[in-house]
Amino acid sequence: FERTILEGWAMGALSLQRAVRRLGITGE
């Protein structure tokens, strides 16, 4: 799940804001 969300962010399907919210982590 984590890798899928991060790949989605990298491809532009998700913003960083949504990715960190879904994963419960910081941007860093």
mmCIF file of all heavy atoms, coordinates in Angstrom:
data_MODEL
# 
_entry.id   MODEL 
# 
loop_
_atom_site.group_PDB 
_atom_site.id 
_atom_site.type_symbol 
_atom_site.label_atom_id 
_atom_site.label_alt_id 
_atom_site.label_comp_id 
_atom_site.label_asym_id 
_atom_site.label_entity_id 
_atom_site.label_seq_id 
_atom_site.pdbx_PDB_ins_code 
_atom_site.Cartn_x 
_atom_site.Cartn_y 
_atom_site.Cartn_z 
_atom_site.occupancy 
_atom_site.B_iso_or_equiv 
_atom_site.pdbx_formal_charge 
_atom_site.auth_seq_id 
_atom_site.auth_comp_id 
_atom_site.auth_asym_id 
_atom_site.auth_atom_id 
_atom_site.pdbx_PDB_model_num 
ATOM 1   N N   . PHE A 1 1  ? 0.822  -1.212 0.000   1.00 0.00 ? 1  PHE A N   1 
ATOM 2   C CA  . PHE A 1 1  ? 0.000  0.000  0.000   1.00 0.00 ? 1  PHE A CA  1 
ATOM 3   C C   . PHE A 1 1  ? 0.856  1.262  0.000   1.00 0.00 ? 1  PHE A C   1 
ATOM 4   O O   . PHE A 1 1  ? 0.648  2.170  -0.803  1.00 0.00 ? 1  PHE A O   1 
ATOM 5   C CB  . PHE A 1 1  ? -0.940 -0.006 1.209   1.00 0.00 ? 1  PHE A CB  1 
ATOM 6   C CG  . PHE A 1 1  ? -1.751 1.248  1.363   1.00 0.00 ? 1  PHE A CG  1 
ATOM 7   C CD1 . PHE A 1 1  ? -2.783 1.533  0.485   1.00 0.00 ? 1  PHE A CD1 1 
ATOM 8   C CD2 . PHE A 1 1  ? -1.491 2.149  2.391   1.00 0.00 ? 1  PHE A CD2 1 
ATOM 9   C CE1 . PHE A 1 1  ? -3.546 2.680  0.623   1.00 0.00 ? 1  PHE A CE1 1 
ATOM 10  C CE2 . PHE A 1 1  ? -2.241 3.297  2.538   1.00 0.00 ? 1  PHE A CE2 1 
ATOM 11  C CZ  . PHE A 1 1  ? -3.276 3.569  1.650   1.00 0.00 ? 1  PHE A CZ  1 
ATOM 12  N N   . GLU A 1 2  ? 1.845  1.311  0.888   1.00 0.00 ? 2  GLU A N   1 
ATOM 13  C CA  . GLU A 1 2  ? 2.683  2.508  0.991   1.00 0.00 ? 2  GLU A CA  1 
ATOM 14  C C   . GLU A 1 2  ? 3.393  2.790  -0.332  1.00 0.00 ? 2  GLU A C   1 
ATOM 15  O O   . GLU A 1 2  ? 3.381  3.917  -0.831  1.00 0.00 ? 2  GLU A O   1 
ATOM 16  C CB  . GLU A 1 2  ? 3.694  2.347  2.124   1.00 0.00 ? 2  GLU A CB  1 
ATOM 17  C CG  . GLU A 1 2  ? 4.559  3.589  2.311   1.00 0.00 ? 2  GLU A CG  1 
ATOM 18  C CD  . GLU A 1 2  ? 5.487  3.447  3.506   1.00 0.00 ? 2  GLU A CD  1 
ATOM 19  O OE1 . GLU A 1 2  ? 6.541  2.786  3.363   1.00 0.00 ? 2  GLU A OE1 1 
ATOM 20  O OE2 . GLU A 1 2  ? 5.139  3.985  4.564   1.00 0.00 ? 2  GLU A OE2 1 
ATOM 21  N N   . ARG A 1 3  ? 3.988  1.770  -0.900  1.00 0.00 ? 3  ARG A N   1 
ATOM 22  C CA  . ARG A 1 3  ? 4.694  1.946  -2.181  1.00 0.00 ? 3  ARG A CA  1 
ATOM 23  C C   . ARG A 1 3  ? 3.723  2.389  -3.279  1.00 0.00 ? 3  ARG A C   1 
ATOM 24  O O   . ARG A 1 3  ? 4.047  3.243  -4.095  1.00 0.00 ? 3  ARG A O   1 
ATOM 25  C CB  . ARG A 1 3  ? 5.397  0.656  -2.588  1.00 0.00 ? 3  ARG A CB  1 
ATOM 26  C CG  . ARG A 1 3  ? 6.181  0.811  -3.869  1.00 0.00 ? 3  ARG A CG  1 
ATOM 27  C CD  . ARG A 1 3  ? 6.775  -0.514 -4.340  1.00 0.00 ? 3  ARG A CD  1 
ATOM 28  N NE  . ARG A 1 3  ? 7.560  -0.299 -5.521  1.00 0.00 ? 3  ARG A NE  1 
ATOM 29  C CZ  . ARG A 1 3  ? 8.872  -0.245 -5.567  1.00 0.00 ? 3  ARG A CZ  1 
ATOM 30  N NH1 . ARG A 1 3  ? 9.575  -0.424 -4.464  1.00 0.00 ? 3  ARG A NH1 1 
ATOM 31  N NH2 . ARG A 1 3  ? 9.499  -0.026 -6.697  1.00 0.00 ? 3  ARG A NH2 1 
ATOM 32  N N   . THR A 1 4  ? 2.533  1.796  -3.307  1.00 0.00 ? 4  THR A N   1 
ATOM 33  C CA  . THR A 1 4  ? 1.539  2.157  -4.317  1.00 0.00 ? 4  THR A CA  1 
ATOM 34  C C   . THR A 1 4  ? 1.152  3.627  -4.197  1.00 0.00 ? 4  THR A C   1 
ATOM 35  O O   . THR A 1 4  ? 1.061  4.337  -5.210  1.00 0.00 ? 4  THR A O   1 
ATOM 36  C CB  . THR A 1 4  ? 0.285  1.264  -4.177  1.00 0.00 ? 4  THR A CB  1 
ATOM 37  O OG1 . THR A 1 4  ? 0.681  -0.096 -4.320  1.00 0.00 ? 4  THR A OG1 1 
ATOM 38  C CG2 . THR A 1 4  ? -0.763 1.609  -5.210  1.00 0.00 ? 4  THR A CG2 1 
ATOM 39  N N   . ILE A 1 5  ? 0.944  4.102  -2.983  1.00 0.00 ? 5  ILE A N   1 
ATOM 40  C CA  . ILE A 1 5  ? 0.585  5.509  -2.772  1.00 0.00 ? 5  ILE A CA  1 
ATOM 41  C C   . ILE A 1 5  ? 1.735  6.409  -3.212  1.00 0.00 ? 5  ILE A C   1 
ATOM 42  O O   . ILE A 1 5  ? 1.521  7.419  -3.900  1.00 0.00 ? 5  ILE A O   1 
ATOM 43  C CB  . ILE A 1 5  ? 0.215  5.762  -1.294  1.00 0.00 ? 5  ILE A CB  1 
ATOM 44  C CG1 . ILE A 1 5  ? -1.059 4.992  -0.927  1.00 0.00 ? 5  ILE A CG1 1 
ATOM 45  C CG2 . ILE A 1 5  ? 0.057  7.252  -1.018  1.00 0.00 ? 5  ILE A CG2 1 
ATOM 46  C CD1 . ILE A 1 5  ? -2.287 5.374  -1.706  1.00 0.00 ? 5  ILE A CD1 1 
ATOM 47  N N   . LEU A 1 6  ? 2.952  6.063  -2.842  1.00 0.00 ? 6  LEU A N   1 
ATOM 48  C CA  . LEU A 1 6  ? 4.100  6.883  -3.225  1.00 0.00 ? 6  LEU A CA  1 
ATOM 49  C C   . LEU A 1 6  ? 4.322  6.883  -4.737  1.00 0.00 ? 6  LEU A C   1 
ATOM 50  O O   . LEU A 1 6  ? 4.679  7.913  -5.318  1.00 0.00 ? 6  LEU A O   1 
ATOM 51  C CB  . LEU A 1 6  ? 5.353  6.415  -2.484  1.00 0.00 ? 6  LEU A CB  1 
ATOM 52  C CG  . LEU A 1 6  ? 5.310  6.635  -0.966  1.00 0.00 ? 6  LEU A CG  1 
ATOM 53  C CD1 . LEU A 1 6  ? 6.494  5.959  -0.297  1.00 0.00 ? 6  LEU A CD1 1 
ATOM 54  C CD2 . LEU A 1 6  ? 5.254  8.116  -0.622  1.00 0.00 ? 6  LEU A CD2 1 
ATOM 55  N N   . GLU A 1 7  ? 4.087  5.753  -5.384  1.00 0.00 ? 7  GLU A N   1 
ATOM 56  C CA  . GLU A 1 7  ? 4.191  5.713  -6.845  1.00 0.00 ? 7  GLU A CA  1 
ATOM 57  C C   . GLU A 1 7  ? 3.085  6.553  -7.484  1.00 0.00 ? 7  GLU A C   1 
ATOM 58  O O   . GLU A 1 7  ? 3.307  7.218  -8.495  1.00 0.00 ? 7  GLU A O   1 
ATOM 59  C CB  . GLU A 1 7  ? 4.127  4.269  -7.352  1.00 0.00 ? 7  GLU A CB  1 
ATOM 60  C CG  . GLU A 1 7  ? 5.400  3.502  -7.080  1.00 0.00 ? 7  GLU A CG  1 
ATOM 61  C CD  . GLU A 1 7  ? 5.318  2.036  -7.481  1.00 0.00 ? 7  GLU A CD  1 
ATOM 62  O OE1 . GLU A 1 7  ? 4.200  1.517  -7.713  1.00 0.00 ? 7  GLU A OE1 1 
ATOM 63  O OE2 . GLU A 1 7  ? 6.390  1.409  -7.554  1.00 0.00 ? 7  GLU A OE2 1 
ATOM 64  N N   . GLY A 1 8  ? 1.902  6.528  -6.880  1.00 0.00 ? 8  GLY A N   1 
ATOM 65  C CA  . GLY A 1 8  ? 0.809  7.366  -7.375  1.00 0.00 ? 8  GLY A CA  1 
ATOM 66  C C   . GLY A 1 8  ? 1.149  8.840  -7.282  1.00 0.00 ? 8  GLY A C   1 
ATOM 67  O O   . GLY A 1 8  ? 0.852  9.626  -8.189  1.00 0.00 ? 8  GLY A O   1 
ATOM 68  N N   . TRP A 1 9  ? 1.808  9.224  -6.195  1.00 0.00 ? 9  TRP A N   1 
ATOM 69  C CA  . TRP A 1 9  ? 2.255  10.617 -6.048  1.00 0.00 ? 9  TRP A CA  1 
ATOM 70  C C   . TRP A 1 9  ? 3.308  10.943 -7.102  1.00 0.00 ? 9  TRP A C   1 
ATOM 71  O O   . TRP A 1 9  ? 3.248  11.982 -7.767  1.00 0.00 ? 9  TRP A O   1 
ATOM 72  C CB  . TRP A 1 9  ? 2.790  10.849 -4.638  1.00 0.00 ? 9  TRP A CB  1 
ATOM 73  C CG  . TRP A 1 9  ? 3.555  12.118 -4.475  1.00 0.00 ? 9  TRP A CG  1 
ATOM 74  C CD1 . TRP A 1 9  ? 3.114  13.384 -4.767  1.00 0.00 ? 9  TRP A CD1 1 
ATOM 75  C CD2 . TRP A 1 9  ? 4.886  12.270 -4.002  1.00 0.00 ? 9  TRP A CD2 1 
ATOM 76  N NE1 . TRP A 1 9  ? 4.094  14.299 -4.489  1.00 0.00 ? 9  TRP A NE1 1 
ATOM 77  C CE2 . TRP A 1 9  ? 5.195  13.643 -4.017  1.00 0.00 ? 9  TRP A CE2 1 
ATOM 78  C CE3 . TRP A 1 9  ? 5.853  11.383 -3.552  1.00 0.00 ? 9  TRP A CE3 1 
ATOM 79  C CZ2 . TRP A 1 9  ? 6.420  14.146 -3.606  1.00 0.00 ? 9  TRP A CZ2 1 
ATOM 80  C CZ3 . TRP A 1 9  ? 7.069  11.881 -3.137  1.00 0.00 ? 9  TRP A CZ3 1 
ATOM 81  C CH2 . TRP A 1 9  ? 7.344  13.243 -3.168  1.00 0.00 ? 9  TRP A CH2 1 
ATOM 82  N N   . ALA A 1 10 ? 4.255  10.026 -7.295  1.00 0.00 ? 10 ALA A N   1 
ATOM 83  C CA  . ALA A 1 10 ? 5.335  10.260 -8.258  1.00 0.00 ? 10 ALA A CA  1 
ATOM 84  C C   . ALA A 1 10 ? 4.802  10.407 -9.676  1.00 0.00 ? 10 ALA A C   1 
ATOM 85  O O   . ALA A 1 10 ? 5.352  11.174 -10.475 1.00 0.00 ? 10 ALA A O   1 
ATOM 86  C CB  . ALA A 1 10 ? 6.350  9.119  -8.196  1.00 0.00 ? 10 ALA A CB  1 
ATOM 87  N N   . MET A 1 11 ? 3.716  9.699  -10.008 1.00 0.00 ? 11 MET A N   1 
ATOM 88  C CA  . MET A 1 11 ? 3.144  9.768  -11.348 1.00 0.00 ? 11 MET A CA  1 
ATOM 89  C C   . MET A 1 11 ? 2.185  10.944 -11.519 1.00 0.00 ? 11 MET A C   1 
ATOM 90  O O   . MET A 1 11 ? 1.706  11.197 -12.610 1.00 0.00 ? 11 MET A O   1 
ATOM 91  C CB  . MET A 1 11 ? 2.399  8.471  -11.674 1.00 0.00 ? 11 MET A CB  1 
ATOM 92  C CG  . MET A 1 11 ? 3.321  7.293  -11.845 1.00 0.00 ? 11 MET A CG  1 
ATOM 93  S SD  . MET A 1 11 ? 2.458  5.808  -12.403 1.00 0.00 ? 11 MET A SD  1 
ATOM 94  C CE  . MET A 1 11 ? 1.364  5.484  -11.040 1.00 0.00 ? 11 MET A CE  1 
ATOM 95  N N   . GLY A 1 12 ? 1.873  11.629 -10.420 1.00 0.00 ? 12 GLY A N   1 
ATOM 96  C CA  . GLY A 1 12 ? 0.971  12.772 -10.507 1.00 0.00 ? 12 GLY A CA  1 
ATOM 97  C C   . GLY A 1 12 ? -0.486 12.439 -10.272 1.00 0.00 ? 12 GLY A C   1 
ATOM 98  O O   . GLY A 1 12 ? -1.352 13.291 -10.435 1.00 0.00 ? 12 GLY A O   1 
ATOM 99  N N   . ALA A 1 13 ? -0.779 11.206 -9.870  1.00 0.00 ? 13 ALA A N   1 
ATOM 100 C CA  . ALA A 1 13 ? -2.163 10.822 -9.605  1.00 0.00 ? 13 ALA A CA  1 
ATOM 101 C C   . ALA A 1 13 ? -2.643 11.335 -8.246  1.00 0.00 ? 13 ALA A C   1 
ATOM 102 O O   . ALA A 1 13 ? -3.844 11.493 -8.036  1.00 0.00 ? 13 ALA A O   1 
ATOM 103 C CB  . ALA A 1 13 ? -2.310 9.304  -9.663  1.00 0.00 ? 13 ALA A CB  1 
ATOM 104 N N   . LEU A 1 14 ? -1.720 11.594 -7.343  1.00 0.00 ? 14 LEU A N   1 
ATOM 105 C CA  . LEU A 1 14 ? -2.029 12.114 -6.011  1.00 0.00 ? 14 LEU A CA  1 
ATOM 106 C C   . LEU A 1 14 ? -1.125 13.294 -5.715  1.00 0.00 ? 14 LEU A C   1 
ATOM 107 O O   . LEU A 1 14 ? 0.015  13.336 -6.177  1.00 0.00 ? 14 LEU A O   1 
ATOM 108 C CB  . LEU A 1 14 ? -1.758 11.057 -4.931  1.00 0.00 ? 14 LEU A CB  1 
ATOM 109 C CG  . LEU A 1 14 ? -2.593 9.810  -4.900  1.00 0.00 ? 14 LEU A CG  1 
ATOM 110 C CD1 . LEU A 1 14 ? -2.003 8.830  -3.908  1.00 0.00 ? 14 LEU A CD1 1 
ATOM 111 C CD2 . LEU A 1 14 ? -4.012 10.144 -4.519  1.00 0.00 ? 14 LEU A CD2 1 
ATOM 112 N N   . SER A 1 15 ? -1.619 14.207 -4.923  1.00 0.00 ? 15 SER A N   1 
ATOM 113 C CA  . SER A 1 15 ? -0.754 15.275 -4.433  1.00 0.00 ? 15 SER A CA  1 
ATOM 114 C C   . SER A 1 15 ? 0.015  14.746 -3.224  1.00 0.00 ? 15 SER A C   1 
ATOM 115 O O   . SER A 1 15 ? -0.359 13.740 -2.623  1.00 0.00 ? 15 SER A O   1 
ATOM 116 C CB  . SER A 1 15 ? -1.597 16.488 -4.021  1.00 0.00 ? 15 SER A CB  1 
ATOM 117 O OG  . SER A 1 15 ? -2.401 16.166 -2.894  1.00 0.00 ? 15 SER A OG  1 
ATOM 118 N N   . LEU A 1 16 ? 1.074  15.431 -2.866  1.00 0.00 ? 16 LEU A N   1 
ATOM 119 C CA  . LEU A 1 16 ? 1.825  15.050 -1.666  1.00 0.00 ? 16 LEU A CA  1 
ATOM 120 C C   . LEU A 1 16 ? 0.931  15.160 -0.442  1.00 0.00 ? 16 LEU A C   1 
ATOM 121 O O   . LEU A 1 16 ? 0.991  14.329 0.462   1.00 0.00 ? 16 LEU A O   1 
ATOM 122 C CB  . LEU A 1 16 ? 3.077  15.921 -1.514  1.00 0.00 ? 16 LEU A CB  1 
ATOM 123 C CG  . LEU A 1 16 ? 3.937  15.630 -0.295  1.00 0.00 ? 16 LEU A CG  1 
ATOM 124 C CD1 . LEU A 1 16 ? 4.437  14.190 -0.297  1.00 0.00 ? 16 LEU A CD1 1 
ATOM 125 C CD2 . LEU A 1 16 ? 5.112  16.602 -0.234  1.00 0.00 ? 16 LEU A CD2 1 
ATOM 126 N N   . GLN A 1 17 ? 0.080  16.166 -0.426  1.00 0.00 ? 17 GLN A N   1 
ATOM 127 C CA  . GLN A 1 17 ? -0.833 16.360 0.698   1.00 0.00 ? 17 GLN A CA  1 
ATOM 128 C C   . GLN A 1 17 ? -1.712 15.129 0.905   1.00 0.00 ? 17 GLN A C   1 
ATOM 129 O O   . GLN A 1 17 ? -1.854 14.629 2.021   1.00 0.00 ? 17 GLN A O   1 
ATOM 130 C CB  . GLN A 1 17 ? -1.714 17.589 0.462   1.00 0.00 ? 17 GLN A CB  1 
ATOM 131 C CG  . GLN A 1 17 ? -2.722 17.840 1.560   1.00 0.00 ? 17 GLN A CG  1 
ATOM 132 C CD  . GLN A 1 17 ? -3.695 18.946 1.212   1.00 0.00 ? 17 GLN A CD  1 
ATOM 133 O OE1 . GLN A 1 17 ? -3.953 19.212 0.048   1.00 0.00 ? 17 GLN A OE1 1 
ATOM 134 N NE2 . GLN A 1 17 ? -4.232 19.594 2.219   1.00 0.00 ? 17 GLN A NE2 1 
ATOM 135 N N   . ARG A 1 18 ? -2.279 14.609 -0.176  1.00 0.00 ? 18 ARG A N   1 
ATOM 136 C CA  . ARG A 1 18 ? -3.141 13.440 -0.060  1.00 0.00 ? 18 ARG A CA  1 
ATOM 137 C C   . ARG A 1 18 ? -2.337 12.191 0.269   1.00 0.00 ? 18 ARG A C   1 
ATOM 138 O O   . ARG A 1 18 ? -2.786 11.333 1.020   1.00 0.00 ? 18 ARG A O   1 
ATOM 139 C CB  . ARG A 1 18 ? -3.933 13.247 -1.336  1.00 0.00 ? 18 ARG A CB  1 
ATOM 140 C CG  . ARG A 1 18 ? -5.035 14.277 -1.453  1.00 0.00 ? 18 ARG A CG  1 
ATOM 141 C CD  . ARG A 1 18 ? -5.919 14.038 -2.632  1.00 0.00 ? 18 ARG A CD  1 
ATOM 142 N NE  . ARG A 1 18 ? -7.051 14.949 -2.550  1.00 0.00 ? 18 ARG A NE  1 
ATOM 143 C CZ  . ARG A 1 18 ? -7.715 15.372 -3.586  1.00 0.00 ? 18 ARG A CZ  1 
ATOM 144 N NH1 . ARG A 1 18 ? -7.374 14.978 -4.798  1.00 0.00 ? 18 ARG A NH1 1 
ATOM 145 N NH2 . ARG A 1 18 ? -8.729 16.189 -3.434  1.00 0.00 ? 18 ARG A NH2 1 
ATOM 146 N N   . ALA A 1 19 ? -1.151 12.072 -0.295  1.00 0.00 ? 19 ALA A N   1 
ATOM 147 C CA  . ALA A 1 19 ? -0.319 10.899 -0.024  1.00 0.00 ? 19 ALA A CA  1 
ATOM 148 C C   . ALA A 1 19 ? 0.051  10.826 1.455   1.00 0.00 ? 19 ALA A C   1 
ATOM 149 O O   . ALA A 1 19 ? -0.072 9.763  2.073   1.00 0.00 ? 19 ALA A O   1 
ATOM 150 C CB  . ALA A 1 19 ? 0.936  10.930 -0.895  1.00 0.00 ? 19 ALA A CB  1 
ATOM 151 N N   . VAL A 1 20 ? 0.500  11.944 2.037   1.00 0.00 ? 20 VAL A N   1 
ATOM 152 C CA  . VAL A 1 20 ? 0.899  11.906 3.447   1.00 0.00 ? 20 VAL A CA  1 
ATOM 153 C C   . VAL A 1 20 ? -0.308 11.708 4.351   1.00 0.00 ? 20 VAL A C   1 
ATOM 154 O O   . VAL A 1 20 ? -0.208 11.058 5.389   1.00 0.00 ? 20 VAL A O   1 
ATOM 155 C CB  . VAL A 1 20 ? 1.715  13.156 3.861   1.00 0.00 ? 20 VAL A CB  1 
ATOM 156 C CG1 . VAL A 1 20 ? 2.994  13.253 3.058   1.00 0.00 ? 20 VAL A CG1 1 
ATOM 157 C CG2 . VAL A 1 20 ? 0.915  14.428 3.767   1.00 0.00 ? 20 VAL A CG2 1 
ATOM 158 N N   . ARG A 1 21 ? -1.453 12.228 3.946   1.00 0.00 ? 21 ARG A N   1 
ATOM 159 C CA  . ARG A 1 21 ? -2.659 12.022 4.748   1.00 0.00 ? 21 ARG A CA  1 
ATOM 160 C C   . ARG A 1 21 ? -3.051 10.548 4.737   1.00 0.00 ? 21 ARG A C   1 
ATOM 161 O O   . ARG A 1 21 ? -3.394 9.987  5.777   1.00 0.00 ? 21 ARG A O   1 
ATOM 162 C CB  . ARG A 1 21 ? -3.807 12.874 4.218   1.00 0.00 ? 21 ARG A CB  1 
ATOM 163 C CG  . ARG A 1 21 ? -5.030 12.805 5.127   1.00 0.00 ? 21 ARG A CG  1 
ATOM 164 C CD  . ARG A 1 21 ? -6.155 13.707 4.695   1.00 0.00 ? 21 ARG A CD  1 
ATOM 165 N NE  . ARG A 1 21 ? -5.715 15.078 4.613   1.00 0.00 ? 21 ARG A NE  1 
ATOM 166 C CZ  . ARG A 1 21 ? -5.958 15.869 3.567   1.00 0.00 ? 21 ARG A CZ  1 
ATOM 167 N NH1 . ARG A 1 21 ? -6.624 15.416 2.538   1.00 0.00 ? 21 ARG A NH1 1 
ATOM 168 N NH2 . ARG A 1 21 ? -5.547 17.114 3.558   1.00 0.00 ? 21 ARG A NH2 1 
ATOM 169 N N   . ARG A 1 22 ? -2.981 9.913  3.575   1.00 0.00 ? 22 ARG A N   1 
ATOM 170 C CA  . ARG A 1 22 ? -3.337 8.498  3.489   1.00 0.00 ? 22 ARG A CA  1 
ATOM 171 C C   . ARG A 1 22 ? -2.364 7.614  4.250   1.00 0.00 ? 22 ARG A C   1 
ATOM 172 O O   . ARG A 1 22 ? -2.742 6.597  4.813   1.00 0.00 ? 22 ARG A O   1 
ATOM 173 C CB  . ARG A 1 22 ? -3.391 8.054  2.031   1.00 0.00 ? 22 ARG A CB  1 
ATOM 174 C CG  . ARG A 1 22 ? -4.593 8.599  1.305   1.00 0.00 ? 22 ARG A CG  1 
ATOM 175 C CD  . ARG A 1 22 ? -4.633 8.142  -0.108  1.00 0.00 ? 22 ARG A CD  1 
ATOM 176 N NE  . ARG A 1 22 ? -5.779 8.718  -0.774  1.00 0.00 ? 22 ARG A NE  1 
ATOM 177 C CZ  . ARG A 1 22 ? -6.128 8.457  -2.006  1.00 0.00 ? 22 ARG A CZ  1 
ATOM 178 N NH1 . ARG A 1 22 ? -5.405 7.607  -2.727  1.00 0.00 ? 22 ARG A NH1 1 
ATOM 179 N NH2 . ARG A 1 22 ? -7.178 9.020  -2.537  1.00 0.00 ? 22 ARG A NH2 1 
ATOM 180 N N   . LEU A 1 23 ? -1.082 7.994  4.243   1.00 0.00 ? 23 LEU A N   1 
ATOM 181 C CA  . LEU A 1 23 ? -0.066 7.173  4.896   1.00 0.00 ? 23 LEU A CA  1 
ATOM 182 C C   . LEU A 1 23 ? 0.146  7.544  6.357   1.00 0.00 ? 23 LEU A C   1 
ATOM 183 O O   . LEU A 1 23 ? 0.765  6.785  7.098   1.00 0.00 ? 23 LEU A O   1 
ATOM 184 C CB  . LEU A 1 23 ? 1.259  7.288  4.136   1.00 0.00 ? 23 LEU A CB  1 
ATOM 185 C CG  . LEU A 1 23 ? 1.235  6.747  2.710   1.00 0.00 ? 23 LEU A CG  1 
ATOM 186 C CD1 . LEU A 1 23 ? 2.560  7.050  2.003   1.00 0.00 ? 23 LEU A CD1 1 
ATOM 187 C CD2 . LEU A 1 23 ? 0.932  5.261  2.695   1.00 0.00 ? 23 LEU A CD2 1 
ATOM 188 N N   . GLY A 1 24 ? -0.329 8.708  6.764   1.00 0.00 ? 24 GLY A N   1 
ATOM 189 C CA  . GLY A 1 24 ? -0.141 9.138  8.149   1.00 0.00 ? 24 GLY A CA  1 
ATOM 190 C C   . GLY A 1 24 ? 1.306  9.466  8.464   1.00 0.00 ? 24 GLY A C   1 
ATOM 191 O O   . GLY A 1 24 ? 1.785  9.167  9.561   1.00 0.00 ? 24 GLY A O   1 
ATOM 192 N N   . ILE A 1 25 ? 2.026  10.055 7.508   1.00 0.00 ? 25 ILE A N   1 
ATOM 193 C CA  . ILE A 1 25 ? 3.439  10.410 7.679   1.00 0.00 ? 25 ILE A CA  1 
ATOM 194 C C   . ILE A 1 25 ? 3.631  11.874 7.284   1.00 0.00 ? 25 ILE A C   1 
ATOM 195 O O   . ILE A 1 25 ? 2.727  12.507 6.765   1.00 0.00 ? 25 ILE A O   1 
ATOM 196 C CB  . ILE A 1 25 ? 4.361  9.494  6.832   1.00 0.00 ? 25 ILE A CB  1 
ATOM 197 C CG1 . ILE A 1 25 ? 4.028  9.595  5.342   1.00 0.00 ? 25 ILE A CG1 1 
ATOM 198 C CG2 . ILE A 1 25 ? 4.256  8.052  7.306   1.00 0.00 ? 25 ILE A CG2 1 
ATOM 199 C CD1 . ILE A 1 25 ? 4.937  8.782  4.430   1.00 0.00 ? 25 ILE A CD1 1 
ATOM 200 N N   . THR A 1 26 ? 4.835  12.375 7.514   1.00 0.00 ? 26 THR A N   1 
ATOM 201 C CA  . THR A 1 26 ? 5.147  13.744 7.114   1.00 0.00 ? 26 THR A CA  1 
ATOM 202 C C   . THR A 1 26 ? 5.623  13.764 5.662   1.00 0.00 ? 26 THR A C   1 
ATOM 203 O O   . THR A 1 26 ? 5.942  12.722 5.082   1.00 0.00 ? 26 THR A O   1 
ATOM 204 C CB  . THR A 1 26 ? 6.262  14.336 7.998   1.00 0.00 ? 26 THR A CB  1 
ATOM 205 O OG1 . THR A 1 26 ? 7.475  13.606 7.749   1.00 0.00 ? 26 THR A OG1 1 
ATOM 206 C CG2 . THR A 1 26 ? 5.901  14.282 9.472   1.00 0.00 ? 26 THR A CG2 1 
ATOM 207 N N   . GLY A 1 27 ? 5.702  14.954 5.099   1.00 0.00 ? 27 GLY A N   1 
ATOM 208 C CA  . GLY A 1 27 ? 6.211  15.097 3.743   1.00 0.00 ? 27 GLY A CA  1 
ATOM 209 C C   . GLY A 1 27 ? 7.647  14.638 3.619   1.00 0.00 ? 27 GLY A C   1 
ATOM 210 O O   . GLY A 1 27 ? 8.030  13.995 2.632   1.00 0.00 ? 27 GLY A O   1 
ATOM 211 N N   . GLU A 1 28 ? 8.455  14.958 4.619   1.00 0.00 ? 28 GLU A N   1 
ATOM 212 C CA  . GLU A 1 28 ? 9.855  14.530 4.603   1.00 0.00 ? 28 GLU A CA  1 
ATOM 213 C C   . GLU A 1 28 ? 9.958  13.007 4.619   1.00 0.00 ? 28 GLU A C   1 
ATOM 214 O O   . GLU A 1 28 ? 10.776 12.416 3.922   1.00 0.00 ? 28 GLU A O   1 
ATOM 215 C CB  . GLU A 1 28 ? 10.626 15.119 5.793   1.00 0.00 ? 28 GLU A CB  1 
ATOM 216 C CG  . GLU A 1 28 ? 10.845 16.616 5.720   1.00 0.00 ? 28 GLU A CG  1 
ATOM 217 C CD  . GLU A 1 28 ? 9.679  17.427 6.270   1.00 0.00 ? 28 GLU A CD  1 
ATOM 218 O OE1 . GLU A 1 28 ? 8.662  16.830 6.719   1.00 0.00 ? 28 GLU A OE1 1 
ATOM 219 O OE2 . GLU A 1 28 ? 9.757  18.662 6.216   1.00 0.00 ? 28 GLU A OE2 1 
# 
